[in-house]
Amino acid sequence: MSTRVRFVALTTLLICLLTASEAFVFAVGSSTFTYRRIFKSSTPEFIEIKIKDDTDTGSYEIRQLDEDAGATPFEISNSLRTKMFQLIGQLNDFKGLDLDVHRKIANLGEKTFRWEQGAEAYEVKFNYTVNPAATQLLQICEGLARQQELIDLLQRRMKYDRLGVDDALLQLETDLSKGVLPEPKRVLPLLDQIAADSRFVEIARQKARAMAESIRHSS
């Protein structure tokens, strides 16, 4: 083998090794947070949200336990995702963490926080916690789940039950007033669509228009 051929072969091998190494580092460097709540005899009984620290697309699953499993993608902003992983960092990625109050209180459903990075994984389960960082993270997760529930409800009503849109908007309005939805702007496309569509009753269109204006103003 000539010196030139040997040089080209070694260079190609080195590039392949570097590329594989970079891909491995990226894969290991990406971490995933999972929130799960199981609460039998409630509605919904099962909630699961998965978010990666390096992408604006997460997934959610909201259903009864006897329904078919299946996750759906959703969008999450970089700012909210960053805030969540900052809270996870404050909780030391759940390593050896005990969050439950260990007191006799009502069953509020089994919650699980799980952090994964490559082959490394830690999780903690609890019924109720008073840890400030965990409580804040829990509120965000429950808010995201509720936000997706309302988006799904509005989409179904808009497609199959136009008269029921006003009731769905009322539920959205109630949760907006309570401030439980982490990213209300995600609902804006649906509100704008309802407001502009004469097939919906006028009271629903007015309500959608008013909520959209309020969300834009608060943003």
Protein backbone atom coordinates (compact mmCIF):
# COMPACT_ATOMS: atom_id res chain seq x y z
CA MET A 1 0.00 0.00 0.00
CA SER A 2 1.43 3.39 -1.01
CA THR A 3 2.05 6.14 1.55
CA ARG A 4 -0.68 8.30 0.00
CA VAL A 5 -3.29 5.53 0.11
CA ARG A 6 -2.33 4.70 3.69
CA PHE A 7 -2.64 8.38 4.64
CA VAL A 8 -6.11 8.69 3.06
CA ALA A 9 -7.28 5.50 4.78
CA LEU A 10 -6.04 6.67 8.19
CA THR A 11 -7.60 10.12 7.72
CA THR A 12 -10.97 8.58 6.77
CA LEU A 13 -10.85 6.29 9.80
CA LEU A 14 -10.01 9.20 12.08
CA ILE A 15 -12.95 11.26 10.73
CA CYS A 16 -15.32 8.32 11.26
CA LEU A 17 -14.08 7.85 14.83
CA LEU A 18 -14.46 11.55 15.62
CA THR A 19 -17.97 11.64 14.15
CA ALA A 20 -19.01 8.57 16.13
CA SER A 21 -17.47 10.05 19.26
CA GLU A 22 -19.36 13.34 18.82
CA ALA A 23 -22.63 11.48 18.24
CA PHE A 24 -22.04 9.40 21.36
CA VAL A 25 -21.28 12.46 23.49
CA PHE A 26 -24.40 14.21 22.18
CA ALA A 27 -26.60 11.20 22.88
CA VAL A 28 -25.22 10.75 26.39
CA GLY A 29 -25.37 14.50 27.05
CA SER A 30 -29.10 14.71 26.31
CA SER A 31 -31.26 14.14 29.37
CA THR A 32 -34.96 13.28 29.62
CA PHE A 33 -37.42 14.22 32.34
CA THR A 34 -40.59 12.17 32.83
CA TYR A 35 -43.54 13.09 35.01
CA ARG A 36 -46.16 10.42 35.68
CA ARG A 37 -49.28 10.49 37.81
CA ILE A 38 -51.49 7.46 38.42
CA PHE A 39 -54.72 8.14 40.29
CA LYS A 40 -57.30 5.37 40.01
CA SER A 41 -60.99 6.31 39.93
CA SER A 42 -60.17 9.88 38.92
CA THR A 43 -60.40 11.62 35.55
CA PRO A 44 -57.89 11.26 34.06
CA GLU A 45 -56.37 8.26 35.82
CA PHE A 46 -53.07 8.38 33.96
CA ILE A 47 -50.87 11.35 33.02
CA GLU A 48 -47.37 11.13 31.59
CA ILE A 49 -45.24 13.95 30.22
CA LYS A 50 -41.77 13.50 28.71
CA ILE A 51 -39.42 16.39 27.99
CA LYS A 52 -35.84 16.41 26.72
CA ASP A 53 -33.43 19.16 27.67
CA ASP A 54 -32.34 19.82 24.06
CA THR A 55 -35.56 20.02 22.04
CA ASP A 56 -38.78 22.05 22.05
CA THR A 57 -40.89 18.97 21.30
CA GLY A 58 -42.10 16.83 24.20
CA SER A 59 -44.78 14.16 24.46
CA TYR A 60 -47.84 13.67 26.62
CA GLU A 61 -50.28 10.89 27.41
CA ILE A 62 -53.55 11.59 29.23
CA ARG A 63 -56.10 8.79 29.56
CA GLN A 64 -57.97 6.33 31.71
CA LEU A 65 -56.00 3.24 32.70
CA ASP A 66 -58.16 0.90 30.62
CA GLU A 67 -57.70 2.96 27.46
CA ASP A 68 -55.04 2.23 24.85
CA ALA A 69 -51.63 3.72 25.54
CA GLY A 70 -50.17 6.20 23.09
CA ALA A 71 -48.13 9.37 23.41
CA THR A 72 -48.77 12.58 21.45
CA PRO A 73 -46.17 15.25 20.69
CA PHE A 74 -46.54 18.82 21.92
CA GLU A 75 -44.48 22.01 21.80
CA ILE A 76 -42.81 23.54 24.84
CA SER A 77 -40.86 26.80 24.91
CA ASN A 78 -37.15 26.93 25.60
CA SER A 79 -37.74 29.23 28.59
CA LEU A 80 -40.19 26.88 30.30
CA ARG A 81 -38.08 23.82 29.52
CA THR A 82 -35.01 25.56 30.95
CA LYS A 83 -36.92 26.47 34.10
CA MET A 84 -38.02 22.85 34.57
CA PHE A 85 -34.50 21.48 34.23
CA GLN A 86 -33.23 24.13 36.63
CA LEU A 87 -35.71 22.84 39.21
CA ILE A 88 -34.61 19.27 38.45
CA GLY A 89 -31.03 20.38 39.06
CA GLN A 90 -32.04 21.88 42.41
CA LEU A 91 -33.47 18.45 43.27
CA ASN A 92 -30.11 16.85 42.31
CA ASP A 93 -31.73 14.93 39.45
CA PHE A 94 -33.75 13.01 42.11
CA LYS A 95 -30.68 11.08 43.32
CA GLY A 96 -31.53 9.45 46.65
CA LEU A 97 -34.38 11.92 47.10
CA ASP A 98 -37.33 11.41 49.46
CA LEU A 99 -40.13 13.89 48.72
CA ASP A 100 -43.14 12.39 50.47
CA VAL A 101 -44.34 13.95 53.72
CA HIS A 102 -44.96 10.47 55.21
CA ARG A 103 -48.10 11.58 57.02
CA LYS A 104 -51.60 10.16 56.94
CA ILE A 105 -53.29 12.29 54.31
CA ALA A 106 -55.76 11.59 51.52
CA ASN A 107 -54.59 9.62 48.50
CA LEU A 108 -53.80 12.23 45.87
CA GLY A 109 -52.37 9.80 43.34
CA GLU A 110 -48.89 8.35 42.94
CA LYS A 111 -46.58 10.86 41.28
CA THR A 112 -43.22 9.99 39.79
CA PHE A 113 -40.36 12.26 38.77
CA ARG A 114 -37.74 10.49 36.64
CA TRP A 115 -34.48 11.77 35.15
CA GLU A 116 -32.48 9.83 32.55
CA GLN A 117 -29.19 10.49 30.80
CA GLY A 118 -27.66 7.66 28.83
CA ALA A 119 -27.50 4.60 31.09
CA GLU A 120 -27.96 6.73 34.21
CA ALA A 121 -31.46 7.11 35.70
CA TYR A 122 -32.98 8.27 38.99
CA GLU A 123 -36.60 8.58 40.07
CA VAL A 124 -38.66 9.45 43.11
CA LYS A 125 -42.30 8.61 43.90
CA PHE A 126 -44.59 10.52 46.26
CA ASN A 127 -48.20 11.20 47.16
CA TYR A 128 -47.76 14.71 48.56
CA THR A 129 -44.70 16.90 49.08
CA VAL A 130 -43.89 20.23 50.69
CA ASN A 131 -40.49 20.58 49.00
CA PRO A 132 -40.63 24.03 47.28
CA ALA A 133 -38.72 23.04 44.11
CA ALA A 134 -40.67 19.78 43.76
CA THR A 135 -43.96 21.60 44.33
CA GLN A 136 -43.14 24.14 41.64
CA LEU A 137 -42.11 21.40 39.20
CA LEU A 138 -45.31 19.48 39.99
CA GLN A 139 -47.46 22.56 39.33
CA ILE A 140 -45.81 23.07 35.95
CA CYS A 141 -46.33 19.41 34.98
CA GLU A 142 -49.96 19.38 36.08
CA GLY A 143 -50.48 22.69 34.30
CA LEU A 144 -49.01 21.32 31.07
CA ALA A 145 -51.27 18.28 31.31
CA ARG A 146 -54.33 20.46 31.90
CA GLN A 147 -53.32 22.75 29.04
CA GLN A 148 -53.12 19.82 26.63
CA GLU A 149 -56.45 18.47 27.92
CA LEU A 150 -58.12 21.77 27.09
CA ILE A 151 -56.48 21.98 23.66
CA ASP A 152 -57.65 18.44 22.86
CA LEU A 153 -61.15 19.23 24.15
CA LEU A 154 -61.40 22.37 22.02
CA GLN A 155 -60.20 20.54 18.92
CA ARG A 156 -62.76 17.76 19.41
CA ARG A 157 -65.62 20.20 20.00
CA MET A 158 -64.64 22.31 17.00
CA LYS A 159 -64.71 19.22 14.80
CA TYR A 160 -67.64 17.22 16.18
CA ASP A 161 -69.73 19.44 18.49
CA ARG A 162 -69.77 23.13 17.54
CA LEU A 163 -72.45 23.95 20.11
CA GLY A 164 -70.21 22.48 22.81
CA VAL A 165 -67.37 24.88 21.98
CA ASP A 166 -68.74 27.53 24.34
CA ASP A 167 -68.62 25.12 27.29
CA ALA A 168 -65.00 24.20 26.43
CA LEU A 169 -64.14 27.89 26.25
CA LEU A 170 -65.70 28.40 29.67
CA GLN A 171 -63.41 25.71 31.12
CA LEU A 172 -60.42 27.37 29.44
CA GLU A 173 -61.48 30.78 30.77
CA THR A 174 -61.71 29.39 34.31
CA ASP A 175 -58.22 27.89 34.20
CA LEU A 176 -56.77 31.02 32.62
CA SER A 177 -58.17 33.11 35.46
CA LYS A 178 -56.58 30.74 37.99
CA GLY A 179 -53.22 31.02 36.23
CA VAL A 180 -52.69 27.25 36.09
CA LEU A 181 -51.73 27.05 32.40
CA PRO A 182 -47.96 27.42 31.92
CA GLU A 183 -48.10 28.59 28.29
CA PRO A 184 -51.54 29.99 27.39
CA LYS A 185 -50.23 31.25 24.04
CA ARG A 186 -50.41 27.64 22.80
CA VAL A 187 -54.19 28.03 22.67
CA LEU A 188 -54.12 31.19 20.53
CA PRO A 189 -54.40 29.48 17.11
CA LEU A 190 -57.60 27.71 18.21
CA LEU A 191 -59.07 30.87 19.73
CA ASP A 192 -58.33 32.85 16.57
CA GLN A 193 -59.91 30.13 14.45
CA ILE A 194 -63.09 30.11 16.54
CA ALA A 195 -63.30 33.91 16.57
CA ALA A 196 -63.09 34.07 12.77
CA ASP A 197 -65.47 31.19 11.95
CA SER A 198 -69.14 32.11 11.53
CA ARG A 199 -70.16 28.46 11.95
CA PHE A 200 -69.72 28.86 15.71
CA VAL A 201 -72.30 30.66 17.83
CA GLU A 202 -71.62 34.35 18.30
CA ILE A 203 -71.21 34.14 22.08
CA ALA A 204 -68.42 31.58 21.62
CA ARG A 205 -66.73 33.75 19.00
CA GLN A 206 -66.86 36.78 21.28
CA LYS A 207 -65.49 34.77 24.20
CA ALA A 208 -62.65 33.38 22.07
CA ARG A 209 -61.82 36.86 20.79
CA ALA A 210 -61.74 38.31 24.31
CA MET A 211 -59.52 35.51 25.67
CA ALA A 212 -57.11 35.76 22.76
CA GLU A 213 -56.78 39.50 23.34
CA SER A 214 -56.20 38.94 27.06
CA ILE A 215 -53.50 36.31 26.43
CA ARG A 216 -51.71 38.55 23.92
CA HIS A 217 -51.90 41.52 26.28
CA SER A 218 -50.53 39.55 29.23
CA SER A 219 -47.70 38.15 27.09
